[in-house]
């Protein structure tokens, strides 16, 4: 039998600057050292035009990015088991495709 790892007490804290926001746009990029996730909002002011306003960039190690991927996959699977399949909207696909095609130098 494999010995159990000792339990670790985890305490979660937030800083005074902590805030909750909503994002309907997400961009991801990486270097050889880290991943960056950009969160923002997009709007379609006129047909054929997409305006993205990024308001947060979070950097993380590749190991943390892998953990995030696994946690999100688990949570999405659980959500779909409880609520049915998540349908990707066309606007969400446009936002994702636009983020992938932004030249590196044009991001702020």
C-alpha atoms as a PDB file:
ATOM      1  CA  UNK A   1       0.000   0.000   0.000  1.00  0.00           C
ATOM      2  CA  UNK A   2       1.279   3.449  -0.913  1.00  0.00           C
ATOM      3  CA  UNK A   3       1.779   5.767   2.056  1.00  0.00           C
ATOM      4  CA  UNK A   4      -0.477   8.804   2.091  1.00  0.00           C
ATOM      5  CA  UNK A   5       0.983  12.265   1.782  1.00  0.00           C
ATOM      6  CA  UNK A   6       0.338  14.397   4.845  1.00  0.00           C
ATOM      7  CA  UNK A   7      -2.626  16.740   4.540  1.00  0.00           C
ATOM      8  CA  UNK A   8      -1.766  20.388   4.100  1.00  0.00           C
ATOM      9  CA  UNK A   9      -3.976  23.146   5.470  1.00  0.00           C
ATOM     10  CA  UNK A  10      -4.577  25.760   2.774  1.00  0.00           C
ATOM     11  CA  UNK A  11      -5.537  29.314   3.659  1.00  0.00           C
ATOM     12  CA  UNK A  12      -6.821  31.582   0.873  1.00  0.00           C
ATOM     13  CA  UNK A  13      -6.404  35.335   1.168  1.00  0.00           C
ATOM     14  CA  UNK A  14      -7.178  38.257  -1.114  1.00  0.00           C
ATOM     15  CA  UNK A  15      -5.441  41.590  -1.352  1.00  0.00           C
ATOM     16  CA  UNK A  16      -7.278  44.900  -0.982  1.00  0.00           C
ATOM     17  CA  UNK A  17      -6.834  45.323  -4.761  1.00  0.00           C
ATOM     18  CA  UNK A  18      -8.672  42.068  -5.514  1.00  0.00           C
ATOM     19  CA  UNK A  19     -11.599  42.521  -7.877  1.00  0.00           C
ATOM     20  CA  UNK A  20     -14.010  40.376  -9.833  1.00  0.00           C
ATOM     21  CA  UNK A  21     -14.579  41.123 -13.495  1.00  0.00           C
ATOM     22  CA  UNK A  22     -16.183  39.475 -16.490  1.00  0.00           C
ATOM     23  CA  UNK A  23     -14.274  38.632 -19.655  1.00  0.00           C
ATOM     24  CA  UNK A  24     -15.689  37.581 -22.998  1.00  0.00           C
ATOM     25  CA  UNK A  25     -12.309  37.691 -24.732  1.00  0.00           C
ATOM     26  CA  UNK A  26      -9.153  35.782 -23.945  1.00  0.00           C
ATOM     27  CA  UNK A  27      -5.765  35.779 -25.587  1.00  0.00           C
ATOM     28  CA  UNK A  28      -2.870  33.462 -24.803  1.00  0.00           C
ATOM     29  CA  UNK A  29       0.781  33.743 -25.729  1.00  0.00           C
ATOM     30  CA  UNK A  30       3.971  32.165 -24.463  1.00  0.00           C
ATOM     31  CA  UNK A  31       7.738  32.401 -24.440  1.00  0.00           C
ATOM     32  CA  UNK A  32      10.309  29.778 -23.541  1.00  0.00           C
ATOM     33  CA  UNK A  33       9.852  30.763 -19.897  1.00  0.00           C
ATOM     34  CA  UNK A  34       6.205  31.586 -19.259  1.00  0.00           C
ATOM     35  CA  UNK A  35       2.625  31.846 -20.495  1.00  0.00           C
ATOM     36  CA  UNK A  36       0.576  35.040 -20.566  1.00  0.00           C
ATOM     37  CA  UNK A  37      -3.212  35.132 -20.537  1.00  0.00           C
ATOM     38  CA  UNK A  38      -4.887  38.379 -21.556  1.00  0.00           C
ATOM     39  CA  UNK A  39      -8.462  38.984 -20.446  1.00  0.00           C
ATOM     40  CA  UNK A  40     -10.747  41.585 -21.898  1.00  0.00           C
ATOM     41  CA  UNK A  41     -14.040  42.498 -23.455  1.00  0.00           C
ATOM     42  CA  UNK A  42     -14.939  42.603 -27.093  1.00  0.00           C
ATOM     43  CA  UNK A  43     -17.729  44.343 -28.881  1.00  0.00           C
ATOM     44  CA  UNK A  44     -18.926  44.420 -32.462  1.00  0.00           C
ATOM     45  CA  UNK A  45     -19.806  48.106 -33.018  1.00  0.00           C
ATOM     46  CA  UNK A  46     -20.557  47.630 -36.712  1.00  0.00           C
ATOM     47  CA  UNK A  47     -20.734  44.549 -38.927  1.00  0.00           C
ATOM     48  CA  UNK A  48     -17.246  43.438 -39.884  1.00  0.00           C
ATOM     49  CA  UNK A  49     -15.517  45.274 -37.018  1.00  0.00           C
ATOM     50  CA  UNK A  50     -14.413  43.740 -33.736  1.00  0.00           C
ATOM     51  CA  UNK A  51     -13.056  45.958 -30.948  1.00  0.00           C
ATOM     52  CA  UNK A  52     -11.152  44.216 -28.145  1.00  0.00           C
ATOM     53  CA  UNK A  53     -10.283  46.028 -24.920  1.00  0.00           C
ATOM     54  CA  UNK A  54      -7.854  44.021 -22.788  1.00  0.00           C
ATOM     55  CA  UNK A  55      -7.776  44.911 -19.104  1.00  0.00           C
ATOM     56  CA  UNK A  56      -5.649  42.211 -17.462  1.00  0.00           C
ATOM     57  CA  UNK A  57      -2.577  40.141 -18.342  1.00  0.00           C
ATOM     58  CA  UNK A  58      -1.587  37.257 -16.072  1.00  0.00           C
ATOM     59  CA  UNK A  59       1.821  35.587 -16.384  1.00  0.00           C
ATOM     60  CA  UNK A  60       2.433  32.044 -15.173  1.00  0.00           C
ATOM     61  CA  UNK A  61       5.002  29.268 -15.396  1.00  0.00           C
ATOM     62  CA  UNK A  62       4.485  26.442 -17.902  1.00  0.00           C
ATOM     63  CA  UNK A  63       3.750  24.085 -14.973  1.00  0.00           C
ATOM     64  CA  UNK A  64       1.037  26.431 -13.688  1.00  0.00           C
ATOM     65  CA  UNK A  65      -0.389  26.751 -17.219  1.00  0.00           C
ATOM     66  CA  UNK A  66      -0.578  22.942 -17.425  1.00  0.00           C
ATOM     67  CA  UNK A  67      -2.381  22.842 -14.077  1.00  0.00           C
ATOM     68  CA  UNK A  68      -4.805  25.533 -15.263  1.00  0.00           C
ATOM     69  CA  UNK A  69      -5.520  23.495 -18.407  1.00  0.00           C
ATOM     70  CA  UNK A  70      -6.292  20.399 -16.341  1.00  0.00           C
ATOM     71  CA  UNK A  71      -8.481  22.271 -13.843  1.00  0.00           C
ATOM     72  CA  UNK A  72     -10.440  24.039 -16.608  1.00  0.00           C
ATOM     73  CA  UNK A  73     -10.939  20.786 -18.541  1.00  0.00           C
ATOM     74  CA  UNK A  74     -12.250  19.114 -15.382  1.00  0.00           C
ATOM     75  CA  UNK A  75     -14.572  22.032 -14.583  1.00  0.00           C
ATOM     76  CA  UNK A  76     -15.921  22.230 -18.159  1.00  0.00           C
ATOM     77  CA  UNK A  77     -16.601  18.477 -18.159  1.00  0.00           C
ATOM     78  CA  UNK A  78     -18.421  18.762 -14.833  1.00  0.00           C
ATOM     79  CA  UNK A  79     -20.428  21.758 -16.076  1.00  0.00           C
ATOM     80  CA  UNK A  80     -21.460  19.882 -19.232  1.00  0.00           C
ATOM     81  CA  UNK A  81     -22.472  16.817 -17.237  1.00  0.00           C
ATOM     82  CA  UNK A  82     -24.739  19.018 -15.119  1.00  0.00           C
ATOM     83  CA  UNK A  83     -26.017  21.444 -17.771  1.00  0.00           C
ATOM     84  CA  UNK A  84     -25.449  19.881 -21.199  1.00  0.00           C
ATOM     85  CA  UNK A  85     -22.933  20.705 -23.923  1.00  0.00           C
ATOM     86  CA  UNK A  86     -21.534  24.214 -24.159  1.00  0.00           C
ATOM     87  CA  UNK A  87     -22.153  25.660 -27.597  1.00  0.00           C
ATOM     88  CA  UNK A  88     -19.490  27.948 -28.991  1.00  0.00           C
ATOM     89  CA  UNK A  89     -21.053  31.137 -30.309  1.00  0.00           C
ATOM     90  CA  UNK A  90     -19.988  32.575 -33.636  1.00  0.00           C
ATOM     91  CA  UNK A  91     -19.026  35.865 -31.969  1.00  0.00           C
ATOM     92  CA  UNK A  92     -16.840  34.005 -29.472  1.00  0.00           C
ATOM     93  CA  UNK A  93     -15.153  32.154 -32.347  1.00  0.00           C
ATOM     94  CA  UNK A  94     -14.514  35.464 -34.136  1.00  0.00           C
ATOM     95  CA  UNK A  95     -12.965  36.919 -30.980  1.00  0.00           C
ATOM     96  CA  UNK A  96     -10.737  33.862 -30.516  1.00  0.00           C
ATOM     97  CA  UNK A  97      -9.661  33.848 -34.169  1.00  0.00           C
ATOM     98  CA  UNK A  98      -8.927  37.571 -34.040  1.00  0.00           C
ATOM     99  CA  UNK A  99      -6.732  37.112 -30.961  1.00  0.00           C
ATOM    100  CA  UNK A 100      -4.708  34.394 -32.692  1.00  0.00           C
ATOM    101  CA  UNK A 101      -4.026  36.625 -35.684  1.00  0.00           C
ATOM    102  CA  UNK A 102      -2.846  39.771 -33.889  1.00  0.00           C
ATOM    103  CA  UNK A 103       0.820  40.423 -34.740  1.00  0.00           C
ATOM    104  CA  UNK A 104       3.044  40.181 -31.666  1.00  0.00           C
ATOM    105  CA  UNK A 105       4.248  43.796 -31.837  1.00  0.00           C
ATOM    106  CA  UNK A 106       0.736  45.235 -31.892  1.00  0.00           C
ATOM    107  CA  UNK A 107      -0.277  43.989 -28.434  1.00  0.00           C
ATOM    108  CA  UNK A 108       0.010  46.457 -25.611  1.00  0.00           C
END
